[in-house]
Amino acid sequence: MNYALMLNPSMIRPLIFRWRFNSKIAWFLGFSLITSLVVFYVFQVSYVTQASFTIADYEKQIADLDKEFKNLQLNFSNVSSLSSLEETLVARGYEKVGKIHYIQVLESAVVTK
């Protein structure tokens, strides 16, 4: 006796391939995918453009601060020079020393309380 089971190929086909290819669904999915990618691209380009303008603004601020720093260094070197120190001392009432007299201590002198 032969206990082999024979399946009819016409019975297998509807079980496996129930889903049919619908071109309308494929076109809709393709169009929606392309549309979403284009929208994503536009937002990314907008973000990159905004970031590049922000970077340009920061570079301009850095250049301005560098110029200001160099001016401050120049002003500091002018203010801290000896000629300006002499002018400041004269303005505060100090006078230039003419002749210096030192106190001479004798060798035989001893200090006591």
PDB file of N, CA and C in Angstrom:
ATOM      1  N   MET A   1       0.825  -1.158   0.000  1.00  0.00           N
ATOM      2  CA  MET A   1       0.000   0.000   0.000  1.00  0.00           C
ATOM      3  C   MET A   1       0.881   1.238   0.000  1.00  0.00           C
ATOM      4  N   ASN A   2       0.408   2.134  -0.705  1.00  0.00           N
ATOM      5  CA  ASN A   2       1.147   3.369  -0.843  1.00  0.00           C
ATOM      6  C   ASN A   2       0.359   4.475  -0.152  1.00  0.00           C
ATOM      7  N   TYR A   3       0.974   5.023   0.935  1.00  0.00           N
ATOM      8  CA  TYR A   3       0.280   6.054   1.698  1.00  0.00           C
ATOM      9  C   TYR A   3       0.803   7.454   1.343  1.00  0.00           C
ATOM     10  N   ALA A   4       1.069   7.725   0.168  1.00  0.00           N
ATOM     11  CA  ALA A   4       1.576   9.028  -0.250  1.00  0.00           C
ATOM     12  C   ALA A   4       0.407   9.971  -0.465  1.00  0.00           C
ATOM     13  N   LEU A   5       0.615  11.173  -0.067  1.00  0.00           N
ATOM     14  CA  LEU A   5      -0.423  12.182  -0.213  1.00  0.00           C
ATOM     15  C   LEU A   5      -0.073  13.046  -1.408  1.00  0.00           C
ATOM     16  N   MET A   6      -0.953  13.174  -2.264  1.00  0.00           N
ATOM     17  CA  MET A   6      -0.741  13.981  -3.451  1.00  0.00           C
ATOM     18  C   MET A   6      -1.525  15.275  -3.295  1.00  0.00           C
ATOM     19  N   LEU A   7      -0.846  16.394  -3.435  1.00  0.00           N
ATOM     20  CA  LEU A   7      -1.508  17.685  -3.382  1.00  0.00           C
ATOM     21  C   LEU A   7      -1.653  18.209  -4.793  1.00  0.00           C
ATOM     22  N   ASN A   8      -2.772  18.712  -5.026  1.00  0.00           N
ATOM     23  CA  ASN A   8      -3.049  19.294  -6.327  1.00  0.00           C
ATOM     24  C   ASN A   8      -2.403  20.684  -6.371  1.00  0.00           C
ATOM     25  N   PRO A   9      -1.553  21.032  -7.376  1.00  0.00           N
ATOM     26  CA  PRO A   9      -0.935  22.358  -7.437  1.00  0.00           C
ATOM     27  C   PRO A   9      -1.951  23.484  -7.488  1.00  0.00           C
ATOM     28  N   SER A  10      -3.108  23.253  -7.984  1.00  0.00           N
ATOM     29  CA  SER A  10      -4.123  24.307  -8.027  1.00  0.00           C
ATOM     30  C   SER A  10      -4.628  24.630  -6.623  1.00  0.00           C
ATOM     31  N   MET A  11      -4.470  23.725  -5.670  1.00  0.00           N
ATOM     32  CA  MET A  11      -4.878  24.004  -4.288  1.00  0.00           C
ATOM     33  C   MET A  11      -3.802  24.804  -3.539  1.00  0.00           C
ATOM     34  N   ILE A  12      -2.545  24.597  -3.863  1.00  0.00           N
ATOM     35  CA  ILE A  12      -1.448  25.286  -3.179  1.00  0.00           C
ATOM     36  C   ILE A  12      -1.361  26.747  -3.605  1.00  0.00           C
ATOM     37  N   ARG A  13      -1.579  27.029  -4.831  1.00  0.00           N
ATOM     38  CA  ARG A  13      -1.424  28.371  -5.379  1.00  0.00           C
ATOM     39  C   ARG A  13      -2.295  29.418  -4.667  1.00  0.00           C
ATOM     40  N   PRO A  14      -3.552  29.212  -4.430  1.00  0.00           N
ATOM     41  CA  PRO A  14      -4.341  30.237  -3.729  1.00  0.00           C
ATOM     42  C   PRO A  14      -3.890  30.436  -2.282  1.00  0.00           C
ATOM     43  N   LEU A  15      -3.327  29.409  -1.650  1.00  0.00           N
ATOM     44  CA  LEU A  15      -2.882  29.563  -0.270  1.00  0.00           C
ATOM     45  C   LEU A  15      -1.638  30.457  -0.183  1.00  0.00           C
ATOM     46  N   ILE A  16      -0.734  30.318  -1.113  1.00  0.00           N
ATOM     47  CA  ILE A  16       0.517  31.070  -1.063  1.00  0.00           C
ATOM     48  C   ILE A  16       0.347  32.471  -1.626  1.00  0.00           C
ATOM     49  N   PHE A  17      -0.282  32.621  -2.736  1.00  0.00           N
ATOM     50  CA  PHE A  17      -0.357  33.903  -3.432  1.00  0.00           C
ATOM     51  C   PHE A  17      -1.737  34.539  -3.334  1.00  0.00           C
ATOM     52  N   ARG A  18      -2.250  34.719  -2.148  1.00  0.00           N
ATOM     53  CA  ARG A  18      -3.534  35.362  -1.995  1.00  0.00           C
ATOM     54  C   ARG A  18      -3.428  36.862  -2.267  1.00  0.00           C
ATOM     55  N   TRP A  19      -2.329  37.410  -1.873  1.00  0.00           N
ATOM     56  CA  TRP A  19      -2.143  38.854  -2.038  1.00  0.00           C
ATOM     57  C   TRP A  19      -1.750  39.127  -3.469  1.00  0.00           C
ATOM     58  N   ARG A  20      -2.447  39.996  -4.086  1.00  0.00           N
ATOM     59  CA  ARG A  20      -2.148  40.336  -5.467  1.00  0.00           C
ATOM     60  C   ARG A  20      -1.452  41.686  -5.495  1.00  0.00           C
ATOM     61  N   PHE A  21      -0.624  41.882  -6.469  1.00  0.00           N
ATOM     62  CA  PHE A  21       0.091  43.135  -6.638  1.00  0.00           C
ATOM     63  C   PHE A  21      -0.875  44.168  -7.187  1.00  0.00           C
ATOM     64  N   ASN A  22      -1.047  45.246  -6.414  1.00  0.00           N
ATOM     65  CA  ASN A  22      -1.938  46.309  -6.833  1.00  0.00           C
ATOM     66  C   ASN A  22      -1.080  47.503  -7.222  1.00  0.00           C
ATOM     67  N   SER A  23      -1.152  47.941  -8.455  1.00  0.00           N
ATOM     68  CA  SER A  23      -0.308  49.025  -8.939  1.00  0.00           C
ATOM     69  C   SER A  23      -0.682  50.361  -8.303  1.00  0.00           C
ATOM     70  N   LYS A  24      -1.930  50.562  -7.956  1.00  0.00           N
ATOM     71  CA  LYS A  24      -2.343  51.815  -7.314  1.00  0.00           C
ATOM     72  C   LYS A  24      -1.680  51.963  -5.949  1.00  0.00           C
ATOM     73  N   ILE A  25      -1.614  50.874  -5.204  1.00  0.00           N
ATOM     74  CA  ILE A  25      -0.979  50.918  -3.886  1.00  0.00           C
ATOM     75  C   ILE A  25       0.521  51.167  -4.042  1.00  0.00           C
ATOM     76  N   ALA A  26       1.142  50.531  -5.018  1.00  0.00           N
ATOM     77  CA  ALA A  26       2.574  50.728  -5.243  1.00  0.00           C
ATOM     78  C   ALA A  26       2.858  52.172  -5.643  1.00  0.00           C
ATOM     79  N   TRP A  27       2.054  52.756  -6.514  1.00  0.00           N
ATOM     80  CA  TRP A  27       2.242  54.152  -6.915  1.00  0.00           C
ATOM     81  C   TRP A  27       2.042  55.088  -5.722  1.00  0.00           C
ATOM     82  N   PHE A  28       1.034  54.812  -4.912  1.00  0.00           N
ATOM     83  CA  PHE A  28       0.782  55.645  -3.734  1.00  0.00           C
ATOM     84  C   PHE A  28       1.943  55.567  -2.749  1.00  0.00           C
ATOM     85  N   LEU A  29       2.432  54.360  -2.470  1.00  0.00           N
ATOM     86  CA  LEU A  29       3.561  54.213  -1.543  1.00  0.00           C
ATOM     87  C   LEU A  29       4.822  54.863  -2.098  1.00  0.00           C
ATOM     88  N   GLY A  30       5.072  54.715  -3.377  1.00  0.00           N
ATOM     89  CA  GLY A  30       6.231  55.342  -3.988  1.00  0.00           C
ATOM     90  C   GLY A  30       6.146  56.859  -3.951  1.00  0.00           C
ATOM     91  N   PHE A  31       4.976  57.393  -4.279  1.00  0.00           N
ATOM     92  CA  PHE A  31       4.790  58.844  -4.255  1.00  0.00           C
ATOM     93  C   PHE A  31       4.922  59.404  -2.843  1.00  0.00           C
ATOM     94  N   SER A  32       4.337  58.705  -1.859  1.00  0.00           N
ATOM     95  CA  SER A  32       4.438  59.184  -0.475  1.00  0.00           C
ATOM     96  C   SER A  32       5.879  59.095   0.023  1.00  0.00           C
ATOM     97  N   LEU A  33       6.631  58.070  -0.374  1.00  0.00           N
ATOM     98  CA  LEU A  33       8.030  57.959   0.018  1.00  0.00           C
ATOM     99  C   LEU A  33       8.851  59.092  -0.595  1.00  0.00           C
ATOM    100  N   ILE A  34       8.660  59.355  -1.866  1.00  0.00           N
ATOM    101  CA  ILE A  34       9.390  60.436  -2.532  1.00  0.00           C
ATOM    102  C   ILE A  34       9.027  61.782  -1.920  1.00  0.00           C
ATOM    103  N   THR A  35       7.753  62.017  -1.638  1.00  0.00           N
ATOM    104  CA  THR A  35       7.318  63.277  -1.032  1.00  0.00           C
ATOM    105  C   THR A  35       7.943  63.463   0.345  1.00  0.00           C
ATOM    106  N   SER A  36       7.937  62.419   1.150  1.00  0.00           N
ATOM    107  CA  SER A  36       8.509  62.543   2.490  1.00  0.00           C
ATOM    108  C   SER A  36      10.020  62.776   2.417  1.00  0.00           C
ATOM    109  N   LEU A  37      10.714  62.150   1.472  1.00  0.00           N
ATOM    110  CA  LEU A  37      12.153  62.380   1.326  1.00  0.00           C
ATOM    111  C   LEU A  37      12.451  63.799   0.850  1.00  0.00           C
ATOM    112  N   VAL A  38      11.620  64.344  -0.031  1.00  0.00           N
ATOM    113  CA  VAL A  38      11.813  65.724  -0.491  1.00  0.00           C
ATOM    114  C   VAL A  38      11.601  66.704   0.665  1.00  0.00           C
ATOM    115  N   VAL A  39      10.573  66.473   1.477  1.00  0.00           N
ATOM    116  CA  VAL A  39      10.316  67.343   2.633  1.00  0.00           C
ATOM    117  C   VAL A  39      11.478  67.254   3.613  1.00  0.00           C
ATOM    118  N   PHE A  40      11.959  66.049   3.865  1.00  0.00           N
ATOM    119  CA  PHE A  40      13.107  65.871   4.751  1.00  0.00           C
ATOM    120  C   PHE A  40      14.331  66.597   4.206  1.00  0.00           C
ATOM    121  N   TYR A  41      14.561  66.523   2.901  1.00  0.00           N
ATOM    122  CA  TYR A  41      15.690  67.205   2.262  1.00  0.00           C
ATOM    123  C   TYR A  41      15.572  68.720   2.419  1.00  0.00           C
ATOM    124  N   VAL A  42      14.375  69.253   2.236  1.00  0.00           N
ATOM    125  CA  VAL A  42      14.181  70.705   2.366  1.00  0.00           C
ATOM    126  C   VAL A  42      14.493  71.158   3.787  1.00  0.00           C
ATOM    127  N   PHE A  43      14.019  70.412   4.775  1.00  0.00           N
ATOM    128  CA  PHE A  43      14.304  70.777   6.165  1.00  0.00           C
ATOM    129  C   PHE A  43      15.797  70.672   6.475  1.00  0.00           C
ATOM    130  N   GLN A  44      16.462  69.674   5.949  1.00  0.00           N
ATOM    131  CA  GLN A  44      17.893  69.537   6.189  1.00  0.00           C
ATOM    132  C   GLN A  44      18.681  70.673   5.539  1.00  0.00           C
ATOM    133  N   VAL A  45      18.315  71.058   4.327  1.00  0.00           N
ATOM    134  CA  VAL A  45      18.994  72.168   3.658  1.00  0.00           C
ATOM    135  C   VAL A  45      18.761  73.466   4.428  1.00  0.00           C
ATOM    136  N   SER A  46      17.557  73.654   4.932  1.00  0.00           N
ATOM    137  CA  SER A  46      17.252  74.838   5.730  1.00  0.00           C
ATOM    138  C   SER A  46      18.107  74.868   6.997  1.00  0.00           C
ATOM    139  N   TYR A  47      18.242  73.736   7.643  1.00  0.00           N
ATOM    140  CA  TYR A  47      19.043  73.665   8.873  1.00  0.00           C
ATOM    141  C   TYR A  47      20.512  73.956   8.577  1.00  0.00           C
ATOM    142  N   VAL A  48      21.047  73.384   7.503  1.00  0.00           N
ATOM    143  CA  VAL A  48      22.459  73.606   7.155  1.00  0.00           C
ATOM    144  C   VAL A  48      22.692  75.072   6.806  1.00  0.00           C
ATOM    145  N   THR A  49      21.754  75.688   6.092  1.00  0.00           N
ATOM    146  CA  THR A  49      21.886  77.100   5.742  1.00  0.00           C
ATOM    147  C   THR A  49      21.874  77.972   6.990  1.00  0.00           C
ATOM    148  N   GLN A  50      20.974  77.681   7.893  1.00  0.00           N
ATOM    149  CA  GLN A  50      20.900  78.445   9.143  1.00  0.00           C
ATOM    150  C   GLN A  50      22.190  78.271   9.947  1.00  0.00           C
ATOM    151  N   ALA A  51      22.726  77.061   9.992  1.00  0.00           N
ATOM    152  CA  ALA A  51      23.963  76.810  10.733  1.00  0.00           C
ATOM    153  C   ALA A  51      25.138  77.557  10.094  1.00  0.00           C
ATOM    154  N   SER A  52      25.182  77.619   8.772  1.00  0.00           N
ATOM    155  CA  SER A  52      26.290  78.318   8.124  1.00  0.00           C
ATOM    156  C   SER A  52      26.216  79.826   8.390  1.00  0.00           C
ATOM    157  N   PHE A  53      25.007  80.383   8.409  1.00  0.00           N
ATOM    158  CA  PHE A  53      24.885  81.813   8.745  1.00  0.00           C
ATOM    159  C   PHE A  53      25.272  82.069  10.201  1.00  0.00           C
ATOM    160  N   THR A  54      24.925  81.160  11.078  1.00  0.00           N
ATOM    161  CA  THR A  54      25.297  81.302  12.485  1.00  0.00           C
ATOM    162  C   THR A  54      26.817  81.257  12.630  1.00  0.00           C
ATOM    163  N   ILE A  55      27.451  80.357  11.918  1.00  0.00           N
ATOM    164  CA  ILE A  55      28.914  80.258  11.965  1.00  0.00           C
ATOM    165  C   ILE A  55      29.544  81.537  11.431  1.00  0.00           C
ATOM    166  N   ALA A  56      28.990  82.087  10.350  1.00  0.00           N
ATOM    167  CA  ALA A  56      29.525  83.333   9.788  1.00  0.00           C
ATOM    168  C   ALA A  56      29.396  84.476  10.796  1.00  0.00           C
ATOM    169  N   ASP A  57      28.259  84.535  11.502  1.00  0.00           N
ATOM    170  CA  ASP A  57      28.085  85.575  12.533  1.00  0.00           C
ATOM    171  C   ASP A  57      29.112  85.414  13.651  1.00  0.00           C
ATOM    172  N   TYR A  58      29.333  84.180  14.078  1.00  0.00           N
ATOM    173  CA  TYR A  58      30.312  83.941  15.143  1.00  0.00           C
ATOM    174  C   TYR A  58      31.724  84.307  14.689  1.00  0.00           C
ATOM    175  N   GLU A  59      32.053  84.002  13.435  1.00  0.00           N
ATOM    176  CA  GLU A  59      33.377  84.368  12.938  1.00  0.00           C
ATOM    177  C   GLU A  59      33.543  85.884  12.893  1.00  0.00           C
ATOM    178  N   LYS A  60      32.474  86.605  12.539  1.00  0.00           N
ATOM    179  CA  LYS A  60      32.533  88.064  12.526  1.00  0.00           C
ATOM    180  C   LYS A  60      32.719  88.588  13.948  1.00  0.00           C
ATOM    181  N   GLN A  61      32.013  88.009  14.907  1.00  0.00           N
ATOM    182  CA  GLN A  61      32.172  88.426  16.297  1.00  0.00           C
ATOM    183  C   GLN A  61      33.592  88.150  16.790  1.00  0.00           C
ATOM    184  N   ILE A  62      34.151  87.027  16.400  1.00  0.00           N
ATOM    185  CA  ILE A  62      35.522  86.705  16.798  1.00  0.00           C
ATOM    186  C   ILE A  62      36.494  87.714  16.219  1.00  0.00           C
ATOM    187  N   ALA A  63      36.299  88.083  14.949  1.00  0.00           N
ATOM    188  CA  ALA A  63      37.186  89.078  14.325  1.00  0.00           C
ATOM    189  C   ALA A  63      37.066  90.429  15.027  1.00  0.00           C
ATOM    190  N   ASP A  64      35.838  90.841  15.377  1.00  0.00           N
ATOM    191  CA  ASP A  64      35.643  92.107  16.095  1.00  0.00           C
ATOM    192  C   ASP A  64      36.298  92.074  17.471  1.00  0.00           C
ATOM    193  N   LEU A  65      36.134  90.964  18.173  1.00  0.00           N
ATOM    194  CA  LEU A  65      36.754  90.842  19.496  1.00  0.00           C
ATOM    195  C   LEU A  65      38.282  90.821  19.400  1.00  0.00           C
ATOM    196  N   ASP A  66      38.820  90.223  18.344  1.00  0.00           N
ATOM    197  CA  ASP A  66      40.270  90.220  18.156  1.00  0.00           C
ATOM    198  C   ASP A  66      40.792  91.636  17.923  1.00  0.00           C
ATOM    199  N   LYS A  67      40.071  92.428  17.111  1.00  0.00           N
ATOM    200  CA  LYS A  67      40.472  93.825  16.891  1.00  0.00           C
ATOM    201  C   LYS A  67      40.407  94.615  18.194  1.00  0.00           C
ATOM    202  N   GLU A  68      39.348  94.409  18.963  1.00  0.00           N
ATOM    203  CA  GLU A  68      39.199  95.115  20.238  1.00  0.00           C
ATOM    204  C   GLU A  68      40.315  94.719  21.206  1.00  0.00           C
ATOM    205  N   PHE A  69      40.674  93.448  21.214  1.00  0.00           N
ATOM    206  CA  PHE A  69      41.750  92.974  22.076  1.00  0.00           C
ATOM    207  C   PHE A  69      43.080  93.623  21.705  1.00  0.00           C
ATOM    208  N   LYS A  70      43.347  93.725  20.406  1.00  0.00           N
ATOM    209  CA  LYS A  70      44.591  94.371  19.972  1.00  0.00           C
ATOM    210  C   LYS A  70      44.605  95.846  20.356  1.00  0.00           C
ATOM    211  N   ASN A  71      43.456  96.529  20.234  1.00  0.00           N
ATOM    212  CA  ASN A  71      43.380  97.935  20.657  1.00  0.00           C
ATOM    213  C   ASN A  71      43.606  98.074  22.159  1.00  0.00           C
ATOM    214  N   LEU A  72      43.028  97.163  22.938  1.00  0.00           N
ATOM    215  CA  LEU A  72      43.227  97.205  24.386  1.00  0.00           C
ATOM    216  C   LEU A  72      44.689  96.950  24.755  1.00  0.00           C
ATOM    217  N   GLN A  73      45.341  96.039  24.048  1.00  0.00           N
ATOM    218  CA  GLN A  73      46.763  95.810  24.316  1.00  0.00           C
ATOM    219  C   GLN A  73      47.580  97.055  24.018  1.00  0.00           C
ATOM    220  N   LEU A  74      47.265  97.721  22.920  1.00  0.00           N
ATOM    221  CA  LEU A  74      47.981  98.948  22.556  1.00  0.00           C
ATOM    222  C   LEU A  74      47.741 100.036  23.598  1.00  0.00           C
ATOM    223  N   ASN A  75      46.498 100.206  24.025  1.00  0.00           N
ATOM    224  CA  ASN A  75      46.182 101.208  25.049  1.00  0.00           C
ATOM    225  C   ASN A  75      46.867 100.880  26.376  1.00  0.00           C
ATOM    226  N   PHE A  76      46.909  99.607  26.726  1.00  0.00           N
ATOM    227  CA  PHE A  76      47.564  99.211  27.971  1.00  0.00           C
ATOM    228  C   PHE A  76      49.057  99.498  27.918  1.00  0.00           C
ATOM    229  N   SER A  77      49.678  99.226  26.780  1.00  0.00           N
ATOM    230  CA  SER A  77      51.116  99.503  26.681  1.00  0.00           C
ATOM    231  C   SER A  77      51.385 101.003  26.731  1.00  0.00           C
ATOM    232  N   ASN A  78      50.472 101.810  26.187  1.00  0.00           N
ATOM    233  CA  ASN A  78      50.644 103.263  26.276  1.00  0.00           C
ATOM    234  C   ASN A  78      50.443 103.768  27.702  1.00  0.00           C
ATOM    235  N   VAL A  79      49.480 103.228  28.400  1.00  0.00           N
ATOM    236  CA  VAL A  79      49.177 103.674  29.758  1.00  0.00           C
ATOM    237  C   VAL A  79      50.262 103.229  30.726  1.00  0.00           C
ATOM    238  N   SER A  80      50.808 102.056  30.521  1.00  0.00           N
ATOM    239  CA  SER A  80      51.780 101.545  31.486  1.00  0.00           C
ATOM    240  C   SER A  80      53.218 101.946  31.147  1.00  0.00           C
ATOM    241  N   SER A  81      53.408 102.883  30.267  1.00  0.00           N
ATOM    242  CA  SER A  81      54.769 103.328  29.949  1.00  0.00           C
ATOM    243  C   SER A  81      55.280 104.270  31.041  1.00  0.00           C
ATOM    244  N   LEU A  82      56.599 104.497  31.078  1.00  0.00           N
ATOM    245  CA  LEU A  82      57.212 105.330  32.114  1.00  0.00           C
ATOM    246  C   LEU A  82      56.832 106.804  31.977  1.00  0.00           C
ATOM    247  N   SER A  83      56.663 107.292  30.770  1.00  0.00           N
ATOM    248  CA  SER A  83      56.304 108.704  30.605  1.00  0.00           C
ATOM    249  C   SER A  83      54.924 108.985  31.210  1.00  0.00           C
ATOM    250  N   SER A  84      53.984 108.077  31.016  1.00  0.00           N
ATOM    251  CA  SER A  84      52.667 108.306  31.618  1.00  0.00           C
ATOM    252  C   SER A  84      52.728 108.146  33.137  1.00  0.00           C
ATOM    253  N   LEU A  85      53.644 107.314  33.622  1.00  0.00           N
ATOM    254  CA  LEU A  85      53.814 107.159  35.068  1.00  0.00           C
ATOM    255  C   LEU A  85      54.333 108.458  35.680  1.00  0.00           C
ATOM    256  N   GLU A  86      55.291 109.085  35.013  1.00  0.00           N
ATOM    257  CA  GLU A  86      55.812 110.366  35.509  1.00  0.00           C
ATOM    258  C   GLU A  86      54.726 111.431  35.524  1.00  0.00           C
ATOM    259  N   GLU A  87      53.910 111.474  34.473  1.00  0.00           N
ATOM    260  CA  GLU A  87      52.818 112.454  34.431  1.00  0.00           C
ATOM    261  C   GLU A  87      51.813 112.208  35.548  1.00  0.00           C
ATOM    262  N   THR A  88      51.536 110.956  35.831  1.00  0.00           N
ATOM    263  CA  THR A  88      50.601 110.624  36.907  1.00  0.00           C
ATOM    264  C   THR A  88      51.163 111.034  38.264  1.00  0.00           C
ATOM    265  N   LEU A  89      52.441 110.813  38.498  1.00  0.00           N
ATOM    266  CA  LEU A  89      53.054 111.185  39.773  1.00  0.00           C
ATOM    267  C   LEU A  89      53.080 112.697  39.963  1.00  0.00           C
ATOM    268  N   VAL A  90      53.365 113.447  38.898  1.00  0.00           N
ATOM    269  CA  VAL A  90      53.362 114.918  38.993  1.00  0.00           C
ATOM    270  C   VAL A  90      51.939 115.396  39.265  1.00  0.00           C
ATOM    271  N   ALA A  91      50.954 114.782  38.640  1.00  0.00           N
ATOM    272  CA  ALA A  91      49.569 115.190  38.860  1.00  0.00           C
ATOM    273  C   ALA A  91      49.131 114.924  40.299  1.00  0.00           C
ATOM    274  N   ARG A  92      49.713 113.933  40.952  1.00  0.00           N
ATOM    275  CA  ARG A  92      49.346 113.621  42.337  1.00  0.00           C
ATOM    276  C   ARG A  92      50.162 114.432  43.345  1.00  0.00           C
ATOM    277  N   GLY A  93      51.092 115.230  42.880  1.00  0.00           N
ATOM    278  CA  GLY A  93      51.809 116.103  43.796  1.00  0.00           C
ATOM    279  C   GLY A  93      53.194 115.633  44.173  1.00  0.00           C
ATOM    280  N   TYR A  94      53.688 114.599  43.586  1.00  0.00           N
ATOM    281  CA  TYR A  94      55.050 114.158  43.873  1.00  0.00           C
ATOM    282  C   TYR A  94      56.025 115.042  43.110  1.00  0.00           C
ATOM    283  N   GLU A  95      57.235 115.192  43.673  1.00  0.00           N
ATOM    284  CA  GLU A  95      58.268 116.012  43.028  1.00  0.00           C
ATOM    285  C   GLU A  95      59.475 115.160  42.722  1.00  0.00           C
ATOM    286  N   LYS A  96      60.245 115.608  41.741  1.00  0.00           N
ATOM    287  CA  LYS A  96      61.449 114.907  41.351  1.00  0.00           C
ATOM    288  C   LYS A  96      62.546 115.207  42.390  1.00  0.00           C
ATOM    289  N   VAL A  97      63.285 114.171  42.720  1.00  0.00           N
ATOM    290  CA  VAL A  97      64.338 114.323  43.715  1.00  0.00           C
ATOM    291  C   VAL A  97      65.539 114.988  43.053  1.00  0.00           C
ATOM    292  N   GLY A  98      66.042 116.042  43.746  1.00  0.00           N
ATOM    293  CA  GLY A  98      67.194 116.764  43.210  1.00  0.00           C
ATOM    294  C   GLY A  98      68.511 116.199  43.708  1.00  0.00           C
ATOM    295  N   LYS A  99      68.773 116.327  44.993  1.00  0.00           N
ATOM    296  CA  LYS A  99      70.031 115.883  45.564  1.00  0.00           C
ATOM    297  C   LYS A  99      69.718 115.020  46.769  1.00  0.00           C
ATOM    298  N   ILE A 100      70.438 113.937  46.894  1.00  0.00           N
ATOM    299  CA  ILE A 100      70.183 112.979  47.968  1.00  0.00           C
ATOM    300  C   ILE A 100      71.246 113.152  49.040  1.00  0.00           C
ATOM    301  N   HIS A 101      70.818 113.271  50.306  1.00  0.00           N
ATOM    302  CA  HIS A 101      71.724 113.350  51.451  1.00  0.00           C
ATOM    303  C   HIS A 101      71.499 112.113  52.306  1.00  0.00           C
ATOM    304  N   TYR A 102      72.573 111.412  52.549  1.00  0.00           N
ATOM    305  CA  TYR A 102      72.489 110.208  53.366  1.00  0.00           C
ATOM    306  C   TYR A 102      72.926 110.530  54.789  1.00  0.00           C
ATOM    307  N   ILE A 103      72.362 109.848  55.748  1.00  0.00           N
ATOM    308  CA  ILE A 103      72.768 109.997  57.142  1.00  0.00           C
ATOM    309  C   ILE A 103      73.961 109.088  57.363  1.00  0.00           C
ATOM    310  N   GLN A 104      74.993 109.672  57.890  1.00  0.00           N
ATOM    311  CA  GLN A 104      76.178 108.870  58.127  1.00  0.00           C
ATOM    312  C   GLN A 104      76.218 108.477  59.595  1.00  0.00           C
ATOM    313  N   VAL A 105      76.363 107.208  59.801  1.00  0.00           N
ATOM    314  CA  VAL A 105      76.419 106.664  61.148  1.00  0.00           C
ATOM    315  C   VAL A 105      77.889 106.422  61.489  1.00  0.00           C
ATOM    316  N   LEU A 106      78.303 106.926  62.651  1.00  0.00           N
ATOM    317  CA  LEU A 106      79.670 106.710  63.080  1.00  0.00           C
ATOM    318  C   LEU A 106      79.838 105.306  63.627  1.00  0.00           C
ATOM    319  N   GLU A 107      81.071 104.799  63.515  1.00  0.00           N
ATOM    320  CA  GLU A 107      81.302 103.452  63.973  1.00  0.00           C
ATOM    321  C   GLU A 107      81.261 103.338  65.491  1.00  0.00           C
ATOM    322  N   SER A 108      81.510 104.415  66.168  1.00  0.00           N
ATOM    323  CA  SER A 108      81.520 104.356  67.634  1.00  0.00           C
ATOM    324  C   SER A 108      80.122 104.517  68.204  1.00  0.00           C
ATOM    325  N   ALA A 109      79.132 104.810  67.403  1.00  0.00           N
ATOM    326  CA  ALA A 109      77.776 105.039  67.921  1.00  0.00           C
ATOM    327  C   ALA A 109      77.101 103.691  68.168  1.00  0.00           C
ATOM    328  N   VAL A 110      76.418 103.628  69.310  1.00  0.00           N
ATOM    329  CA  VAL A 110      75.662 102.430  69.687  1.00  0.00           C
ATOM    330  C   VAL A 110      74.252 102.860  70.003  1.00  0.00           C
ATOM    331  N   VAL A 111      73.325 102.079  69.583  1.00  0.00           N
ATOM    332  CA  VAL A 111      71.910 102.396  69.812  1.00  0.00           C
ATOM    333  C   VAL A 111      71.460 101.725  71.095  1.00  0.00           C
ATOM    334  N   THR A 112      70.845 102.516  71.965  1.00  0.00           N
ATOM    335  CA  THR A 112      70.272 101.985  73.196  1.00  0.00           C
ATOM    336  C   THR A 112      68.895 102.544  73.404  1.00  0.00           C
ATOM    337  N   LYS A 113      68.186 101.929  74.273  1.00  0.00           N
ATOM    338  CA  LYS A 113      66.860 102.425  74.596  1.00  0.00           C
ATOM    339  C   LYS A 113      66.882 103.433  75.695  1.00  0.00           C
TER     340      LYS A 113
END
